[in-house]
Amino acid sequence: MQWIEIKVEAHPEAVDALSELLSSLTQHGVAVQEPFALEDDGQKWTHIPNAPVTVCGYLAADEHSDSILLRIEEALWYLRSIAIGDIGVMQTRTIDDEDWAETWKQYFHVTRIGRKIVIKPSWREFSSDEPDLAVIELDPGMAFGTGTHPTTRMCLEAIEDTVRAGDTVIDVGCGSGILSLGAIKLGAKSALGFDISSVAVRAAQENAQLNACENAITVKHAAIALLPDGALSLIAPDLTQGEDPLPESVTRELVAPANVVMANIIARVIAELAETLYAATLPGGKLITGGVILDKEHEALDALLQAGFTLEKRYVDGDWLTLVCAKA
């Protein structure tokens, strides 16, 4: 089988809308290539701020592909017309099935984050004489979390500044498991990660094994909820939709609060989960929330403050923000 790779360069402000567009029309995954410069003979890279970002989508080459490409062209025209940021022309190429499975790997390189963290894609080589590096071996598959996005980098920096030896961790929307791995590599005792995506759960479980952390990291295909009786519980993902109360017949898997809770999602969901995140955090513990666009800071932060958190630190990278909050 053959696939059509669709590439569009865009200003960073347009990346979210462009990614959503390609994801909805291609339905075979989207890769975002941040602009970077390679250093140290390709062993690490440096992000180039404000440079165009490349967004790639993948489409099966069949009798429907021409009409879908036309729809993408039309949608791009509309995006350009509302001036959300410069969006380049669509470029396409046809690739074979076996090549498509490997194509996305070219975008990820060894990445140094903070003082100690190194993200090493499993297909890259890395060596260093520095002691005490926290090297995270990663094969994200199609799950979010590779260390290239500003939200992931800032969350890892916050983890490095926050996590202490022996801490327990909860990772809400764990994606590839990169944040849980970072916490364990930096001294946390255990991490509970969960995600509503089965693809993410498989990737996180495999990455835990790849890093010999499977005994320290538990990954569940679930969502988290604060139940009417005040219990903090994991629930099946499909039960999180709508306003109906949780059926009595649902088996609850109770969750113990943790020293550090991490949620690299989006402002709206952080706001919706604010009370649940507060309940999930032990007294004296910390909450690390990423995935927040600066313009949406008030939406997330107001809800967190209302839930009882106090703001401790902000990490900012371009238009992206990570918040560290404390529970008294």
Protein backbone atom coordinates (compact mmCIF):
# COMPACT_ATOMS: atom_id res chain seq x y z
CA MET A 1 0.00 0.00 0.00
CA GLN A 2 1.10 3.58 -0.64
CA TRP A 3 0.59 6.71 1.44
CA ILE A 4 0.58 10.41 0.67
CA GLU A 5 2.65 12.54 3.00
CA ILE A 6 1.28 16.10 3.29
CA LYS A 7 3.64 18.83 4.49
CA VAL A 8 2.74 22.41 5.34
CA GLU A 9 5.05 25.01 6.89
CA ALA A 10 3.40 27.49 9.23
CA HIS A 11 4.04 30.16 11.83
CA PRO A 12 4.02 28.70 15.38
CA GLU A 13 0.73 30.50 16.15
CA ALA A 14 -0.99 28.57 13.34
CA VAL A 15 0.31 25.12 14.28
CA ASP A 16 -2.59 24.09 16.55
CA ALA A 17 -5.24 24.95 13.97
CA LEU A 18 -3.23 23.36 11.17
CA SER A 19 -2.65 20.17 13.18
CA GLU A 20 -6.36 19.92 13.95
CA LEU A 21 -7.20 20.40 10.28
CA LEU A 22 -4.82 17.69 9.03
CA SER A 23 -5.76 15.33 11.84
CA SER A 24 -9.47 15.58 11.05
CA LEU A 25 -9.05 15.10 7.29
CA THR A 26 -6.25 12.53 7.14
CA GLN A 27 -7.03 10.40 10.25
CA HIS A 28 -3.67 8.62 10.11
CA GLY A 29 -1.64 10.69 12.54
CA VAL A 30 0.03 14.10 12.47
CA ALA A 31 3.72 14.88 13.07
CA VAL A 32 4.88 18.36 14.10
CA GLN A 33 8.50 19.14 13.23
CA GLU A 34 9.84 21.96 15.38
CA PRO A 35 12.63 24.02 13.76
CA PHE A 36 16.01 23.02 15.18
CA ALA A 37 19.75 23.22 14.70
CA LEU A 38 21.85 20.11 15.31
CA GLU A 39 24.89 20.33 17.60
CA ASP A 40 27.62 18.01 18.91
CA ASP A 41 27.76 15.95 15.73
CA GLY A 42 24.03 15.43 15.76
CA GLN A 43 23.81 14.24 19.38
CA LYS A 44 21.61 17.12 20.49
CA TRP A 45 19.56 19.91 18.97
CA THR A 46 18.60 23.46 19.79
CA HIS A 47 15.16 24.88 19.13
CA ILE A 48 15.03 27.89 16.76
CA PRO A 49 12.40 30.30 18.16
CA ASN A 50 9.84 31.91 15.83
CA ALA A 51 11.02 29.90 12.80
CA PRO A 52 8.39 28.13 10.66
CA VAL A 53 7.11 24.80 11.97
CA THR A 54 6.41 21.87 9.62
CA VAL A 55 3.16 19.94 10.14
CA CYS A 56 2.83 16.57 8.37
CA GLY A 57 -0.25 14.47 7.81
CA TYR A 58 -0.56 11.03 6.21
CA LEU A 59 -3.28 9.92 3.84
CA ALA A 60 -3.92 6.53 2.24
CA ALA A 61 -3.34 6.73 -1.54
CA ASP A 62 -6.67 5.43 -2.87
CA GLU A 63 -9.69 6.53 -4.86
CA HIS A 64 -10.65 9.07 -2.17
CA SER A 65 -7.27 10.79 -1.78
CA ASP A 66 -7.70 13.38 -4.57
CA SER A 67 -10.95 14.70 -3.12
CA ILE A 68 -9.47 14.82 0.39
CA LEU A 69 -6.43 16.74 -0.88
CA LEU A 70 -8.79 19.23 -2.50
CA ARG A 71 -10.66 19.65 0.80
CA ILE A 72 -7.37 20.25 2.58
CA GLU A 73 -6.41 22.93 0.02
CA GLU A 74 -9.78 24.65 0.54
CA ALA A 75 -9.44 24.49 4.33
CA LEU A 76 -5.93 25.95 4.13
CA TRP A 77 -7.31 28.85 2.12
CA TYR A 78 -9.84 29.58 4.85
CA LEU A 79 -7.16 29.36 7.57
CA ARG A 80 -4.99 31.85 5.67
CA SER A 81 -7.94 34.19 5.22
CA ILE A 82 -8.55 34.55 8.97
CA ALA A 83 -4.92 35.56 9.55
CA ILE A 84 -4.00 33.21 12.39
CA GLY A 85 -0.38 33.20 11.24
CA ASP A 86 1.49 32.58 8.00
CA ILE A 87 0.64 29.21 6.41
CA GLY A 88 2.69 27.94 3.47
CA VAL A 89 1.68 25.93 0.45
CA MET A 90 0.82 22.25 0.73
CA GLN A 91 3.54 19.86 -0.42
CA THR A 92 2.88 16.17 -1.07
CA ARG A 93 4.85 13.04 -1.87
CA THR A 94 3.94 9.37 -2.20
CA ILE A 95 5.71 6.86 0.05
CA ASP A 96 5.50 3.09 0.39
CA ASP A 97 3.92 1.35 3.35
CA GLU A 98 7.19 0.28 4.96
CA ASP A 99 8.66 3.77 4.56
CA TRP A 100 5.62 5.44 6.16
CA ALA A 101 6.09 3.48 9.37
CA GLU A 102 9.60 4.92 9.74
CA THR A 103 9.23 8.38 8.19
CA TRP A 104 8.22 10.21 11.37
CA LYS A 105 11.43 9.09 13.13
CA GLN A 106 13.54 11.54 11.13
CA TYR A 107 12.02 14.39 13.12
CA PHE A 108 13.34 13.30 16.53
CA HIS A 109 16.90 13.67 17.78
CA VAL A 110 18.74 13.38 21.08
CA THR A 111 17.49 16.27 23.23
CA ARG A 112 19.06 17.83 26.32
CA ILE A 113 16.56 19.36 28.74
CA GLY A 114 17.34 21.22 31.94
CA ARG A 115 20.42 20.27 33.93
CA LYS A 116 20.28 16.48 33.83
CA ILE A 117 17.61 15.19 31.46
CA VAL A 118 18.48 13.66 28.09
CA ILE A 119 15.79 12.30 25.75
CA LYS A 120 17.28 9.60 23.52
CA PRO A 121 15.07 8.18 20.78
CA SER A 122 15.61 4.44 20.74
CA TRP A 123 16.97 4.58 17.17
CA ARG A 124 19.62 7.24 17.98
CA GLU A 125 23.08 6.86 19.52
CA PHE A 126 24.18 8.88 22.54
CA SER A 127 27.26 8.91 24.76
CA SER A 128 28.45 11.30 27.47
CA ASP A 129 31.07 11.54 30.18
CA GLU A 130 28.78 13.57 32.42
CA PRO A 131 27.79 11.77 35.63
CA ASP A 132 24.22 11.51 36.95
CA LEU A 133 22.44 12.22 33.68
CA ALA A 134 18.80 11.12 33.59
CA VAL A 135 18.73 9.46 30.16
CA ILE A 136 15.23 8.62 28.96
CA GLU A 137 15.13 6.07 26.15
CA LEU A 138 12.03 6.79 24.15
CA ASP A 139 10.03 5.28 21.30
CA PRO A 140 6.84 7.36 21.27
CA GLY A 141 5.17 5.59 18.36
CA MET A 142 2.12 7.71 17.50
CA ALA A 143 1.64 8.92 21.11
CA PHE A 144 2.20 12.51 22.17
CA GLY A 145 5.38 13.22 24.10
CA THR A 146 8.81 13.21 22.47
CA GLY A 147 10.52 16.12 24.19
CA THR A 148 10.38 18.31 21.07
CA HIS A 149 7.29 20.33 22.03
CA PRO A 150 7.74 23.32 24.39
CA THR A 151 5.07 22.00 26.76
CA THR A 152 6.88 18.68 27.22
CA ARG A 153 10.25 20.38 27.69
CA MET A 154 8.91 22.81 30.28
CA CYS A 155 7.11 20.05 32.17
CA LEU A 156 10.36 18.08 32.35
CA GLU A 157 12.20 21.17 33.59
CA ALA A 158 9.50 21.62 36.24
CA ILE A 159 9.80 17.95 37.21
CA GLU A 160 13.56 18.36 37.61
CA ASP A 161 12.97 21.36 39.91
CA THR A 162 10.12 19.74 41.83
CA VAL A 163 10.45 15.96 42.25
CA ARG A 164 12.32 14.70 45.30
CA ALA A 165 13.67 11.25 46.08
CA GLY A 166 10.92 8.90 47.21
CA ASP A 167 8.03 10.96 45.81
CA THR A 168 4.91 9.34 44.42
CA VAL A 169 3.62 10.68 41.10
CA ILE A 170 0.36 10.75 39.16
CA ASP A 171 0.59 11.43 35.41
CA VAL A 172 -2.77 12.59 33.98
CA GLY A 173 -2.96 11.98 30.22
CA CYS A 174 0.44 10.29 30.20
CA GLY A 175 0.89 10.04 26.40
CA SER A 176 4.19 8.31 25.67
CA GLY A 177 5.00 8.18 29.40
CA ILE A 178 7.85 10.66 29.07
CA LEU A 179 6.92 12.67 32.18
CA SER A 180 6.57 9.57 34.35
CA LEU A 181 9.93 8.34 33.08
CA GLY A 182 11.51 11.71 33.85
CA ALA A 183 10.12 11.65 37.40
CA ILE A 184 11.37 8.10 38.06
CA LYS A 185 14.80 8.82 36.57
CA LEU A 186 15.05 11.85 38.88
CA GLY A 187 14.29 9.86 42.02
CA ALA A 188 10.54 9.37 42.35
CA LYS A 189 9.52 6.08 43.93
CA SER A 190 6.49 5.29 41.79
CA ALA A 191 4.32 6.75 39.05
CA LEU A 192 0.72 6.04 38.05
CA GLY A 193 0.03 7.12 34.47
CA PHE A 194 -3.24 6.89 32.60
CA ASP A 195 -4.62 8.02 29.26
CA ILE A 196 -7.88 7.76 27.34
CA SER A 197 -5.90 6.70 24.23
CA SER A 198 -5.10 3.00 23.97
CA VAL A 199 -2.24 3.91 21.59
CA ALA A 200 -0.70 6.09 24.29
CA VAL A 201 -1.13 3.39 26.93
CA ARG A 202 0.72 0.83 24.80
CA ALA A 203 3.50 3.31 24.04
CA ALA A 204 3.88 4.27 27.71
CA GLN A 205 4.00 0.63 28.82
CA GLU A 206 6.61 -0.20 26.17
CA ASN A 207 8.71 2.83 27.11
CA ALA A 208 8.60 1.84 30.78
CA GLN A 209 10.00 -1.57 29.80
CA LEU A 210 12.57 0.03 27.47
CA ASN A 211 13.90 2.00 30.46
CA ALA A 212 13.66 -0.92 32.93
CA CYS A 213 11.07 1.10 34.87
CA GLU A 214 8.11 -1.25 34.51
CA ASN A 215 8.16 -2.03 38.25
CA ALA A 216 8.01 1.67 39.14
CA ILE A 217 5.50 2.87 36.52
CA THR A 218 1.91 1.63 36.25
CA VAL A 219 -0.05 2.64 33.15
CA LYS A 220 -3.83 2.35 32.83
CA HIS A 221 -6.31 2.90 29.99
CA ALA A 222 -8.55 5.15 32.05
CA ALA A 223 -9.61 8.62 33.10
CA ILE A 224 -9.66 10.06 36.61
CA ALA A 225 -12.72 11.32 38.43
CA LEU A 226 -13.72 12.73 41.79
CA LEU A 227 -16.81 10.68 42.58
CA PRO A 228 -19.92 12.01 44.40
CA ASP A 229 -18.83 10.35 47.65
CA GLY A 230 -15.48 12.19 47.50
CA ALA A 231 -13.46 9.17 46.41
CA LEU A 232 -10.71 9.66 43.82
CA SER A 233 -11.03 6.92 41.23
CA LEU A 234 -9.93 5.72 37.82
CA ILE A 235 -12.89 5.15 35.52
CA ALA A 236 -13.31 3.73 32.03
CA PRO A 237 -12.68 6.42 29.39
CA ASP A 238 -16.08 6.09 27.74
CA LEU A 239 -17.79 6.94 31.03
CA THR A 240 -16.24 10.41 31.06
CA GLN A 241 -18.49 11.63 28.24
CA GLY A 242 -21.69 13.55 28.91
CA GLU A 243 -23.37 14.69 32.11
CA ASP A 244 -24.94 11.43 33.27
CA PRO A 245 -23.93 10.21 36.73
CA LEU A 246 -21.60 7.25 37.00
CA PRO A 247 -23.60 3.99 37.04
CA GLU A 248 -23.65 2.18 40.36
CA SER A 249 -22.46 -1.00 38.65
CA VAL A 250 -19.11 0.49 37.61
CA THR A 251 -16.16 -1.05 39.40
CA ARG A 252 -14.14 1.71 41.00
CA GLU A 253 -10.36 1.61 41.19
CA LEU A 254 -9.50 4.00 43.98
CA VAL A 255 -6.43 6.20 43.61
CA ALA A 256 -4.23 7.40 46.46
CA PRO A 257 -3.14 11.06 46.29
CA ALA A 258 0.48 11.67 45.27
CA ASN A 259 3.30 14.05 46.15
CA VAL A 260 3.47 15.31 42.56
CA VAL A 261 0.63 15.39 40.04
CA MET A 262 1.41 16.12 36.37
CA ALA A 263 -1.14 17.08 33.71
CA ASN A 264 0.27 18.12 30.33
CA ILE A 265 -3.06 18.58 28.58
CA ILE A 266 -4.91 21.82 27.66
CA ALA A 267 -6.26 24.77 29.64
CA ARG A 268 -9.94 23.84 29.27
CA VAL A 269 -9.44 20.29 30.56
CA ILE A 270 -7.17 21.50 33.38
CA ALA A 271 -9.94 23.87 34.44
CA GLU A 272 -12.55 21.10 34.28
CA LEU A 273 -10.34 18.80 36.38
CA ALA A 274 -9.16 21.43 38.89
CA GLU A 275 -11.01 19.98 41.90
CA THR A 276 -10.02 16.45 40.93
CA LEU A 277 -6.36 17.48 40.56
CA TYR A 278 -6.53 19.13 43.99
CA ALA A 279 -7.90 15.92 45.52
CA ALA A 280 -5.16 13.93 43.77
CA THR A 281 -2.39 16.04 45.34
CA LEU A 282 -1.17 15.32 48.86
CA PRO A 283 -1.00 18.22 51.34
CA GLY A 284 2.35 19.88 50.77
CA GLY A 285 2.48 18.39 47.27
CA LYS A 286 2.81 20.04 43.87
CA LEU A 287 0.82 20.13 40.66
CA ILE A 288 2.61 20.58 37.30
CA THR A 289 0.28 21.59 34.47
CA GLY A 290 1.43 22.07 30.87
CA GLY A 291 -0.18 22.43 27.48
CA VAL A 292 -1.46 25.92 28.32
CA ILE A 293 -1.38 28.69 25.70
CA LEU A 294 -0.53 32.05 27.26
CA ASP A 295 -3.84 33.54 26.16
CA LYS A 296 -5.64 30.76 28.06
CA GLU A 297 -3.64 31.07 31.28
CA HIS A 298 -6.50 32.69 33.18
CA GLU A 299 -8.84 29.82 32.23
CA ALA A 300 -6.59 27.22 33.84
CA LEU A 301 -5.12 29.27 36.68
CA ASP A 302 -8.39 30.79 37.93
CA ALA A 303 -9.91 27.31 38.29
CA LEU A 304 -6.81 25.96 40.05
CA LEU A 305 -6.73 28.86 42.52
CA GLN A 306 -10.43 28.44 43.20
CA ALA A 307 -9.87 24.74 43.88
CA GLY A 308 -7.36 25.66 46.59
CA PHE A 309 -3.95 25.66 44.92
CA THR A 310 -1.45 28.51 45.17
CA LEU A 311 0.74 29.44 42.22
CA GLU A 312 4.41 28.72 42.86
CA LYS A 313 6.19 29.12 39.49
CA ARG A 314 5.58 29.82 35.80
CA TYR A 315 7.66 28.46 32.91
CA VAL A 316 7.20 30.28 29.60
CA ASP A 317 8.45 29.32 26.12
CA GLY A 318 7.05 31.44 23.31
CA ASP A 319 3.26 31.15 23.44
CA TRP A 320 3.31 28.15 25.78
CA LEU A 321 3.10 28.05 29.54
CA THR A 322 3.63 25.51 32.32
CA LEU A 323 2.39 26.20 35.84
CA VAL A 324 3.61 24.73 39.11
CA CYS A 325 1.06 25.02 41.91
CA ALA A 326 1.28 23.98 45.55
CA LYS A 327 -1.30 22.47 47.87
CA ALA A 328 -0.97 23.82 51.40
